[in-house]
């Protein structure tokens, strides 16, 4: 799953890299409520662009899907780091001070 804060940069990369510059309303919709999986997100981008995902050029579809997958991975890794860092800080702050 992608963090909402990572959606806008992904959509910008898809616009610059592949020409998928979505209308503002569609862009906002994806930012507010991003699809949960790579395939759902990729399909939503194609649909928002007015293209049927199942009829899209296979090479282009794979390129977009791979970019989306990379963004999902990076977002998930960042979330894991934040959770790990937060839990480490919480554990340190809950220990009584050493003498």
PDB file of N, CA and C in Angstrom:
ATOM      1  N   UNK A   1       0.846  -1.179   0.000  1.00  0.00           N
ATOM      2  CA  UNK A   1       0.000   0.000   0.000  1.00  0.00           C
ATOM      3  C   UNK A   1       0.893   1.245   0.000  1.00  0.00           C
ATOM      4  N   UNK A   2       0.475   2.254  -0.704  1.00  0.00           N
ATOM      5  CA  UNK A   2       1.260   3.477  -0.792  1.00  0.00           C
ATOM      6  C   UNK A   2       0.723   4.511   0.195  1.00  0.00           C
ATOM      7  N   UNK A   3       1.633   5.220   0.830  1.00  0.00           N
ATOM      8  CA  UNK A   3       1.261   6.292   1.734  1.00  0.00           C
ATOM      9  C   UNK A   3       0.721   7.455   0.912  1.00  0.00           C
ATOM     10  N   UNK A   4      -0.304   8.119   1.414  1.00  0.00           N
ATOM     11  CA  UNK A   4      -0.927   9.222   0.672  1.00  0.00           C
ATOM     12  C   UNK A   4       0.074  10.314   0.301  1.00  0.00           C
ATOM     13  N   UNK A   5       1.058  10.544   1.149  1.00  0.00           N
ATOM     14  CA  UNK A   5       2.044  11.594   0.856  1.00  0.00           C
ATOM     15  C   UNK A   5       2.959  11.227  -0.309  1.00  0.00           C
ATOM     16  N   UNK A   6       3.020   9.948  -0.655  1.00  0.00           N
ATOM     17  CA  UNK A   6       3.880   9.501  -1.750  1.00  0.00           C
ATOM     18  C   UNK A   6       3.152   9.452  -3.093  1.00  0.00           C
ATOM     19  N   UNK A   7       1.846   9.693  -3.091  1.00  0.00           N
ATOM     20  CA  UNK A   7       1.065   9.592  -4.333  1.00  0.00           C
ATOM     21  C   UNK A   7       1.364  10.750  -5.281  1.00  0.00           C
ATOM     22  N   UNK A   8       1.385  11.963  -4.766  1.00  0.00           N
ATOM     23  CA  UNK A   8       1.600  13.125  -5.637  1.00  0.00           C
ATOM     24  C   UNK A   8       2.934  13.034  -6.387  1.00  0.00           C
ATOM     25  N   UNK A   9       4.053  12.732  -5.701  1.00  0.00           N
ATOM     26  CA  UNK A   9       5.316  12.590  -6.438  1.00  0.00           C
ATOM     27  C   UNK A   9       5.262  11.475  -7.489  1.00  0.00           C
ATOM     28  N   UNK A  10       4.553  10.388  -7.181  1.00  0.00           N
ATOM     29  CA  UNK A  10       4.404   9.308  -8.157  1.00  0.00           C
ATOM     30  C   UNK A  10       3.646   9.800  -9.384  1.00  0.00           C
ATOM     31  N   UNK A  11       2.545  10.496  -9.164  1.00  0.00           N
ATOM     32  CA  UNK A  11       1.763  11.007 -10.294  1.00  0.00           C
ATOM     33  C   UNK A  11       2.572  11.999 -11.126  1.00  0.00           C
ATOM     34  N   UNK A  12       3.416  12.789 -10.479  1.00  0.00           N
ATOM     35  CA  UNK A  12       4.285  13.708 -11.216  1.00  0.00           C
ATOM     36  C   UNK A  12       5.279  12.937 -12.084  1.00  0.00           C
ATOM     37  N   UNK A  13       5.842  11.855 -11.536  1.00  0.00           N
ATOM     38  CA  UNK A  13       6.778  11.027 -12.322  1.00  0.00           C
ATOM     39  C   UNK A  13       6.074  10.365 -13.496  1.00  0.00           C
ATOM     40  N   UNK A  14       4.841   9.914 -13.295  1.00  0.00           N
ATOM     41  CA  UNK A  14       4.100   9.288 -14.389  1.00  0.00           C
ATOM     42  C   UNK A  14       3.772  10.308 -15.477  1.00  0.00           C
ATOM     43  N   UNK A  15       3.536  11.539 -15.080  1.00  0.00           N
ATOM     44  CA  UNK A  15       3.262  12.602 -16.050  1.00  0.00           C
ATOM     45  C   UNK A  15       4.515  12.901 -16.867  1.00  0.00           C
ATOM     46  N   UNK A  16       5.623  13.116 -16.182  1.00  0.00           N
ATOM     47  CA  UNK A  16       6.863  13.473 -16.859  1.00  0.00           C
ATOM     48  C   UNK A  16       7.414  12.298 -17.672  1.00  0.00           C
ATOM     49  N   UNK A  17       7.396  11.122 -17.089  1.00  0.00           N
ATOM     50  CA  UNK A  17       8.010   9.966 -17.730  1.00  0.00           C
ATOM     51  C   UNK A  17       7.186   9.302 -18.820  1.00  0.00           C
ATOM     52  N   UNK A  18       5.861   9.344 -18.681  1.00  0.00           N
ATOM     53  CA  UNK A  18       5.017   8.580 -19.599  1.00  0.00           C
ATOM     54  C   UNK A  18       3.890   9.393 -20.221  1.00  0.00           C
ATOM     55  N   UNK A  19       3.781  10.653 -19.843  1.00  0.00           N
ATOM     56  CA  UNK A  19       2.734  11.499 -20.404  1.00  0.00           C
ATOM     57  C   UNK A  19       1.367  11.298 -19.780  1.00  0.00           C
ATOM     58  N   UNK A  20       1.310  10.633 -18.626  1.00  0.00           N
ATOM     59  CA  UNK A  20       0.043  10.426 -17.928  1.00  0.00           C
ATOM     60  C   UNK A  20      -0.195  11.605 -16.985  1.00  0.00           C
ATOM     61  N   UNK A  21      -0.544  12.732 -17.571  1.00  0.00           N
ATOM     62  CA  UNK A  21      -0.799  13.965 -16.812  1.00  0.00           C
ATOM     63  C   UNK A  21      -2.311  14.064 -16.598  1.00  0.00           C
ATOM     64  N   UNK A  22      -2.746  13.573 -15.477  1.00  0.00           N
ATOM     65  CA  UNK A  22      -4.171  13.414 -15.207  1.00  0.00           C
ATOM     66  C   UNK A  22      -4.858  14.744 -14.972  1.00  0.00           C
ATOM     67  N   UNK A  23      -6.148  14.795 -15.288  1.00  0.00           N
ATOM     68  CA  UNK A  23      -6.925  15.993 -14.966  1.00  0.00           C
ATOM     69  C   UNK A  23      -6.882  16.240 -13.450  1.00  0.00           C
ATOM     70  N   UNK A  24      -6.927  17.497 -13.026  1.00  0.00           N
ATOM     71  CA  UNK A  24      -6.813  17.809 -11.592  1.00  0.00           C
ATOM     72  C   UNK A  24      -7.772  17.028 -10.697  1.00  0.00           C
ATOM     73  N   UNK A  25      -9.008  16.849 -11.115  1.00  0.00           N
ATOM     74  CA  UNK A  25      -9.974  16.123 -10.272  1.00  0.00           C
ATOM     75  C   UNK A  25      -9.563  14.663 -10.088  1.00  0.00           C
ATOM     76  N   UNK A  26      -9.083  14.039 -11.154  1.00  0.00           N
ATOM     77  CA  UNK A  26      -8.641  12.642 -11.066  1.00  0.00           C
ATOM     78  C   UNK A  26      -7.377  12.538 -10.219  1.00  0.00           C
ATOM     79  N   UNK A  27      -6.479  13.496 -10.400  1.00  0.00           N
ATOM     80  CA  UNK A  27      -5.250  13.535  -9.624  1.00  0.00           C
ATOM     81  C   UNK A  27      -5.577  13.629  -8.135  1.00  0.00           C
ATOM     82  N   UNK A  28      -6.473  14.538  -7.793  1.00  0.00           N
ATOM     83  CA  UNK A  28      -6.876  14.733  -6.399  1.00  0.00           C
ATOM     84  C   UNK A  28      -7.541  13.477  -5.834  1.00  0.00           C
ATOM     85  N   UNK A  29      -8.371  12.844  -6.640  1.00  0.00           N
ATOM     86  CA  UNK A  29      -9.064  11.626  -6.203  1.00  0.00           C
ATOM     87  C   UNK A  29      -8.057  10.536  -5.821  1.00  0.00           C
ATOM     88  N   UNK A  30      -7.022  10.379  -6.636  1.00  0.00           N
ATOM     89  CA  UNK A  30      -6.003   9.365  -6.342  1.00  0.00           C
ATOM     90  C   UNK A  30      -5.168   9.750  -5.120  1.00  0.00           C
ATOM     91  N   UNK A  31      -4.930  11.044  -4.943  1.00  0.00           N
ATOM     92  CA  UNK A  31      -4.153  11.494  -3.782  1.00  0.00           C
ATOM     93  C   UNK A  31      -4.918  11.295  -2.477  1.00  0.00           C
ATOM     94  N   UNK A  32      -6.210  11.538  -2.509  1.00  0.00           N
ATOM     95  CA  UNK A  32      -7.042  11.435  -1.308  1.00  0.00           C
ATOM     96  C   UNK A  32      -7.336   9.984  -0.946  1.00  0.00           C
ATOM     97  N   UNK A  33      -7.580   9.166  -1.951  1.00  0.00           N
ATOM     98  CA  UNK A  33      -7.960   7.775  -1.719  1.00  0.00           C
ATOM     99  C   UNK A  33      -7.229   6.861  -2.708  1.00  0.00           C
ATOM    100  N   UNK A  34      -5.926   6.647  -2.485  1.00  0.00           N
ATOM    101  CA  UNK A  34      -5.169   5.840  -3.443  1.00  0.00           C
ATOM    102  C   UNK A  34      -5.587   4.368  -3.401  1.00  0.00           C
ATOM    103  N   UNK A  35      -5.654   3.730  -4.570  1.00  0.00           N
ATOM    104  CA  UNK A  35      -5.933   2.291  -4.600  1.00  0.00           C
ATOM    105  C   UNK A  35      -4.879   1.533  -3.792  1.00  0.00           C
ATOM    106  N   UNK A  36      -5.278   0.415  -3.220  1.00  0.00           N
ATOM    107  CA  UNK A  36      -4.436  -0.311  -2.272  1.00  0.00           C
ATOM    108  C   UNK A  36      -3.351  -1.164  -2.902  1.00  0.00           C
ATOM    109  N   UNK A  37      -3.523  -1.568  -4.156  1.00  0.00           N
ATOM    110  CA  UNK A  37      -2.531  -2.450  -4.770  1.00  0.00           C
ATOM    111  C   UNK A  37      -1.908  -1.787  -5.997  1.00  0.00           C
ATOM    112  N   UNK A  38      -0.773  -2.319  -6.400  1.00  0.00           N
ATOM    113  CA  UNK A  38      -0.069  -1.814  -7.583  1.00  0.00           C
ATOM    114  C   UNK A  38      -0.961  -1.917  -8.816  1.00  0.00           C
ATOM    115  N   UNK A  39      -1.588  -3.062  -9.018  1.00  0.00           N
ATOM    116  CA  UNK A  39      -2.428  -3.259 -10.199  1.00  0.00           C
ATOM    117  C   UNK A  39      -3.636  -2.327 -10.186  1.00  0.00           C
ATOM    118  N   UNK A  40      -4.292  -2.190  -9.033  1.00  0.00           N
ATOM    119  CA  UNK A  40      -5.446  -1.286  -8.934  1.00  0.00           C
ATOM    120  C   UNK A  40      -5.037   0.159  -9.212  1.00  0.00           C
ATOM    121  N   UNK A  41      -3.884   0.564  -8.687  1.00  0.00           N
ATOM    122  CA  UNK A  41      -3.408   1.926  -8.904  1.00  0.00           C
ATOM    123  C   UNK A  41      -3.081   2.140 -10.378  1.00  0.00           C
ATOM    124  N   UNK A  42      -2.395   1.183 -10.973  1.00  0.00           N
ATOM    125  CA  UNK A  42      -2.044   1.281 -12.391  1.00  0.00           C
ATOM    126  C   UNK A  42      -3.297   1.366 -13.249  1.00  0.00           C
ATOM    127  N   UNK A  43      -4.258   0.510 -12.983  1.00  0.00           N
ATOM    128  CA  UNK A  43      -5.520   0.540 -13.726  1.00  0.00           C
ATOM    129  C   UNK A  43      -6.232   1.878 -13.547  1.00  0.00           C
ATOM    130  N   UNK A  44      -6.205   2.418 -12.332  1.00  0.00           N
ATOM    131  CA  UNK A  44      -6.861   3.701 -12.063  1.00  0.00           C
ATOM    132  C   UNK A  44      -6.198   4.826 -12.854  1.00  0.00           C
ATOM    133  N   UNK A  45      -4.880   4.785 -12.984  1.00  0.00           N
ATOM    134  CA  UNK A  45      -4.161   5.806 -13.752  1.00  0.00           C
ATOM    135  C   UNK A  45      -4.558   5.731 -15.221  1.00  0.00           C
ATOM    136  N   UNK A  46      -4.584   4.530 -15.763  1.00  0.00           N
ATOM    137  CA  UNK A  46      -4.980   4.374 -17.167  1.00  0.00           C
ATOM    138  C   UNK A  46      -6.416   4.844 -17.375  1.00  0.00           C
ATOM    139  N   UNK A  47      -7.300   4.451 -16.484  1.00  0.00           N
ATOM    140  CA  UNK A  47      -8.704   4.849 -16.598  1.00  0.00           C
ATOM    141  C   UNK A  47      -8.858   6.356 -16.486  1.00  0.00           C
ATOM    142  N   UNK A  48      -8.134   6.972 -15.556  1.00  0.00           N
ATOM    143  CA  UNK A  48      -8.197   8.421 -15.382  1.00  0.00           C
ATOM    144  C   UNK A  48      -7.683   9.148 -16.627  1.00  0.00           C
ATOM    145  N   UNK A  49      -6.797   8.495 -17.346  1.00  0.00           N
ATOM    146  CA  UNK A  49      -6.252   9.069 -18.579  1.00  0.00           C
ATOM    147  C   UNK A  49      -7.192   8.822 -19.761  1.00  0.00           C
ATOM    148  N   UNK A  50      -8.265   8.072 -19.504  1.00  0.00           N
ATOM    149  CA  UNK A  50      -9.237   7.792 -20.560  1.00  0.00           C
ATOM    150  C   UNK A  50      -8.881   6.580 -21.404  1.00  0.00           C
ATOM    151  N   UNK A  51      -8.016   5.735 -20.870  1.00  0.00           N
ATOM    152  CA  UNK A  51      -7.585   4.532 -21.584  1.00  0.00           C
ATOM    153  C   UNK A  51      -8.079   3.287 -20.850  1.00  0.00           C
ATOM    154  N   UNK A  52      -8.487   2.301 -21.613  1.00  0.00           N
ATOM    155  CA  UNK A  52      -8.890   1.029 -21.005  1.00  0.00           C
ATOM    156  C   UNK A  52      -7.622   0.242 -20.673  1.00  0.00           C
ATOM    157  N   UNK A  53      -7.399  -0.084 -19.403  1.00  0.00           N
ATOM    158  CA  UNK A  53      -6.173  -0.809 -19.035  1.00  0.00           C
ATOM    159  C   UNK A  53      -5.996  -2.112 -19.802  1.00  0.00           C
ATOM    160  N   UNK A  54      -7.102  -2.818 -20.008  1.00  0.00           N
ATOM    161  CA  UNK A  54      -7.004  -4.119 -20.691  1.00  0.00           C
ATOM    162  C   UNK A  54      -6.692  -3.976 -22.179  1.00  0.00           C
ATOM    163  N   UNK A  55      -6.890  -2.803 -22.750  1.00  0.00           N
ATOM    164  CA  UNK A  55      -6.599  -2.598 -24.170  1.00  0.00           C
ATOM    165  C   UNK A  55      -5.338  -1.789 -24.413  1.00  0.00           C
ATOM    166  N   UNK A  56      -4.632  -1.466 -23.330  1.00  0.00           N
ATOM    167  CA  UNK A  56      -3.440  -0.615 -23.439  1.00  0.00           C
ATOM    168  C   UNK A  56      -2.276  -1.375 -24.063  1.00  0.00           C
ATOM    169  N   UNK A  57      -1.368  -0.620 -24.636  1.00  0.00           N
ATOM    170  CA  UNK A  57      -0.123  -1.187 -25.135  1.00  0.00           C
ATOM    171  C   UNK A  57       0.570  -1.909 -23.978  1.00  0.00           C
ATOM    172  N   UNK A  58       0.892  -3.170 -24.163  1.00  0.00           N
ATOM    173  CA  UNK A  58       1.431  -4.000 -23.089  1.00  0.00           C
ATOM    174  C   UNK A  58       2.753  -3.455 -22.562  1.00  0.00           C
ATOM    175  N   UNK A  59       3.617  -2.998 -23.454  1.00  0.00           N
ATOM    176  CA  UNK A  59       4.910  -2.465 -23.031  1.00  0.00           C
ATOM    177  C   UNK A  59       4.716  -1.218 -22.152  1.00  0.00           C
ATOM    178  N   UNK A  60       3.861  -0.309 -22.578  1.00  0.00           N
ATOM    179  CA  UNK A  60       3.593   0.898 -21.804  1.00  0.00           C
ATOM    180  C   UNK A  60       2.948   0.543 -20.467  1.00  0.00           C
ATOM    181  N   UNK A  61       2.000  -0.369 -20.491  1.00  0.00           N
ATOM    182  CA  UNK A  61       1.336  -0.775 -19.249  1.00  0.00           C
ATOM    183  C   UNK A  61       2.358  -1.320 -18.250  1.00  0.00           C
ATOM    184  N   UNK A  62       3.262  -2.159 -18.733  1.00  0.00           N
ATOM    185  CA  UNK A  62       4.287  -2.734 -17.845  1.00  0.00           C
ATOM    186  C   UNK A  62       5.220  -1.665 -17.294  1.00  0.00           C
ATOM    187  N   UNK A  63       5.578  -0.700 -18.126  1.00  0.00           N
ATOM    188  CA  UNK A  63       6.455   0.374 -17.660  1.00  0.00           C
ATOM    189  C   UNK A  63       5.781   1.193 -16.562  1.00  0.00           C
ATOM    190  N   UNK A  64       4.534   1.539 -16.777  1.00  0.00           N
ATOM    191  CA  UNK A  64       3.798   2.301 -15.769  1.00  0.00           C
ATOM    192  C   UNK A  64       3.625   1.461 -14.512  1.00  0.00           C
ATOM    193  N   UNK A  65       3.236   0.207 -14.680  1.00  0.00           N
ATOM    194  CA  UNK A  65       3.063  -0.688 -13.527  1.00  0.00           C
ATOM    195  C   UNK A  65       4.368  -0.827 -12.746  1.00  0.00           C
ATOM    196  N   UNK A  66       5.490  -0.946 -13.442  1.00  0.00           N
ATOM    197  CA  UNK A  66       6.778  -1.074 -12.752  1.00  0.00           C
ATOM    198  C   UNK A  66       7.117   0.195 -11.966  1.00  0.00           C
ATOM    199  N   UNK A  67       6.803   1.352 -12.521  1.00  0.00           N
ATOM    200  CA  UNK A  67       7.027   2.612 -11.800  1.00  0.00           C
ATOM    201  C   UNK A  67       6.147   2.700 -10.563  1.00  0.00           C
ATOM    202  N   UNK A  68       4.906   2.282 -10.711  1.00  0.00           N
ATOM    203  CA  UNK A  68       3.977   2.270  -9.575  1.00  0.00           C
ATOM    204  C   UNK A  68       4.485   1.282  -8.516  1.00  0.00           C
ATOM    205  N   UNK A  69       4.930   0.111  -8.936  1.00  0.00           N
ATOM    206  CA  UNK A  69       5.427  -0.894  -7.994  1.00  0.00           C
ATOM    207  C   UNK A  69       6.639  -0.372  -7.227  1.00  0.00           C
ATOM    208  N   UNK A  70       7.522   0.315  -7.916  1.00  0.00           N
ATOM    209  CA  UNK A  70       8.689   0.886  -7.252  1.00  0.00           C
ATOM    210  C   UNK A  70       8.263   1.919  -6.214  1.00  0.00           C
ATOM    211  N   UNK A  71       7.309   2.760  -6.560  1.00  0.00           N
ATOM    212  CA  UNK A  71       6.816   3.772  -5.623  1.00  0.00           C
ATOM    213  C   UNK A  71       6.158   3.115  -4.408  1.00  0.00           C
ATOM    214  N   UNK A  72       5.403   2.063  -4.633  1.00  0.00           N
ATOM    215  CA  UNK A  72       4.770   1.336  -3.525  1.00  0.00           C
ATOM    216  C   UNK A  72       5.841   0.761  -2.603  1.00  0.00           C
ATOM    217  N   UNK A  73       6.873   0.132  -3.190  1.00  0.00           N
ATOM    218  CA  UNK A  73       7.953  -0.457  -2.386  1.00  0.00           C
ATOM    219  C   UNK A  73       8.649   0.606  -1.539  1.00  0.00           C
ATOM    220  N   UNK A  74       9.016   1.711  -2.174  1.00  0.00           N
ATOM    221  CA  UNK A  74       9.709   2.776  -1.447  1.00  0.00           C
ATOM    222  C   UNK A  74       8.834   3.351  -0.343  1.00  0.00           C
ATOM    223  N   UNK A  75       7.567   3.513  -0.617  1.00  0.00           N
ATOM    224  CA  UNK A  75       6.640   4.035   0.382  1.00  0.00           C
ATOM    225  C   UNK A  75       6.534   3.074   1.570  1.00  0.00           C
ATOM    226  N   UNK A  76       6.427   1.783   1.282  1.00  0.00           N
ATOM    227  CA  UNK A  76       6.330   0.787   2.345  1.00  0.00           C
ATOM    228  C   UNK A  76       7.618   0.741   3.164  1.00  0.00           C
ATOM    229  N   UNK A  77       8.771   0.859   2.491  1.00  0.00           N
ATOM    230  CA  UNK A  77      10.043   0.866   3.214  1.00  0.00           C
ATOM    231  C   UNK A  77      10.149   2.081   4.127  1.00  0.00           C
ATOM    232  N   UNK A  78       9.730   3.238   3.642  1.00  0.00           N
ATOM    233  CA  UNK A  78       9.752   4.454   4.465  1.00  0.00           C
ATOM    234  C   UNK A  78       8.848   4.283   5.686  1.00  0.00           C
ATOM    235  N   UNK A  79       7.681   3.685   5.473  1.00  0.00           N
ATOM    236  CA  UNK A  79       6.753   3.468   6.586  1.00  0.00           C
ATOM    237  C   UNK A  79       7.371   2.540   7.629  1.00  0.00           C
ATOM    238  N   UNK A  80       8.038   1.478   7.170  1.00  0.00           N
ATOM    239  CA  UNK A  80       8.687   0.553   8.103  1.00  0.00           C
ATOM    240  C   UNK A  80       9.769   1.253   8.910  1.00  0.00           C
ATOM    241  N   UNK A  81      10.541   2.095   8.251  1.00  0.00           N
ATOM    242  CA  UNK A  81      11.601   2.832   8.943  1.00  0.00           C
ATOM    243  C   UNK A  81      10.992   3.770   9.975  1.00  0.00           C
ATOM    244  N   UNK A  82       9.925   4.476   9.593  1.00  0.00           N
ATOM    245  CA  UNK A  82       9.276   5.384  10.536  1.00  0.00           C
ATOM    246  C   UNK A  82       8.717   4.647  11.741  1.00  0.00           C
ATOM    247  N   UNK A  83       8.075   3.523  11.498  1.00  0.00           N
ATOM    248  CA  UNK A  83       7.501   2.735  12.594  1.00  0.00           C
ATOM    249  C   UNK A  83       8.620   2.229  13.492  1.00  0.00           C
ATOM    250  N   UNK A  84       9.689   1.719  12.890  1.00  0.00           N
ATOM    251  CA  UNK A  84      10.816   1.198  13.668  1.00  0.00           C
ATOM    252  C   UNK A  84      11.469   2.312  14.488  1.00  0.00           C
ATOM    253  N   UNK A  85      11.684   3.461  13.856  1.00  0.00           N
ATOM    254  CA  UNK A  85      12.285   4.597  14.541  1.00  0.00           C
ATOM    255  C   UNK A  85      11.389   5.072  15.681  1.00  0.00           C
ATOM    256  N   UNK A  86      10.093   5.166  15.409  1.00  0.00           N
ATOM    257  CA  UNK A  86       9.145   5.606  16.436  1.00  0.00           C
ATOM    258  C   UNK A  86       9.123   4.640  17.621  1.00  0.00           C
ATOM    259  N   UNK A  87       9.124   3.327  17.342  1.00  0.00           N
ATOM    260  CA  UNK A  87       9.078   2.357  18.437  1.00  0.00           C
ATOM    261  C   UNK A  87      10.381   2.379  19.225  1.00  0.00           C
ATOM    262  N   UNK A  88      11.516   2.608  18.566  1.00  0.00           N
ATOM    263  CA  UNK A  88      12.797   2.704  19.273  1.00  0.00           C
ATOM    264  C   UNK A  88      12.813   3.916  20.189  1.00  0.00           C
ATOM    265  N   UNK A  89      12.323   5.042  19.708  1.00  0.00           N
ATOM    266  CA  UNK A  89      12.274   6.254  20.514  1.00  0.00           C
ATOM    267  C   UNK A  89      11.330   6.048  21.698  1.00  0.00           C
ATOM    268  N   UNK A  90      10.191   5.419  21.461  1.00  0.00           N
ATOM    269  CA  UNK A  90       9.224   5.167  22.538  1.00  0.00           C
ATOM    270  C   UNK A  90       9.814   4.265  23.600  1.00  0.00           C
ATOM    271  N   UNK A  91      10.542   3.242  23.175  1.00  0.00           N
ATOM    272  CA  UNK A  91      11.150   2.329  24.134  1.00  0.00           C
ATOM    273  C   UNK A  91      12.199   3.037  24.976  1.00  0.00           C
ATOM    274  N   UNK A  92      13.006   3.892  24.344  1.00  0.00           N
ATOM    275  CA  UNK A  92      14.042   4.620  25.080  1.00  0.00           C
ATOM    276  C   UNK A  92      13.423   5.603  26.064  1.00  0.00           C
ATOM    277  N   UNK A  93      12.360   6.267  25.658  1.00  0.00           N
ATOM    278  CA  UNK A  93      11.766   7.282  26.526  1.00  0.00           C
ATOM    279  C   UNK A  93      10.963   6.658  27.676  1.00  0.00           C
ATOM    280  N   UNK A  94      10.593   5.388  27.574  1.00  0.00           N
ATOM    281  CA  UNK A  94       9.820   4.754  28.637  1.00  0.00           C
ATOM    282  C   UNK A  94      10.721   4.081  29.675  1.00  0.00           C
ATOM    283  N   UNK A  95      12.029   3.970  29.402  1.00  0.00           N
ATOM    284  CA  UNK A  95      12.938   3.371  30.370  1.00  0.00           C
ATOM    285  C   UNK A  95      13.277   4.386  31.447  1.00  0.00           C
ATOM    286  N   UNK A  96      13.381   3.915  32.687  1.00  0.00           N
ATOM    287  CA  UNK A  96      13.784   4.855  33.749  1.00  0.00           C
ATOM    288  C   UNK A  96      15.232   5.283  33.534  1.00  0.00           C
ATOM    289  N   UNK A  97      15.583   6.489  33.929  1.00  0.00           N
ATOM    290  CA  UNK A  97      16.970   6.960  33.743  1.00  0.00           C
ATOM    291  C   UNK A  97      17.943   6.107  34.529  1.00  0.00           C
ATOM    292  N   UNK A  98      19.121   5.859  33.945  1.00  0.00           N
ATOM    293  CA  UNK A  98      20.171   5.093  34.627  1.00  0.00           C
ATOM    294  C   UNK A  98      20.889   5.980  35.639  1.00  0.00           C
ATOM    295  N   UNK A  99      21.383   5.340  36.675  1.00  0.00           N
ATOM    296  CA  UNK A  99      22.123   6.089  37.711  1.00  0.00           C
ATOM    297  C   UNK A  99      23.587   5.897  37.551  1.00  0.00           C
TER     298      UNK A  99
END
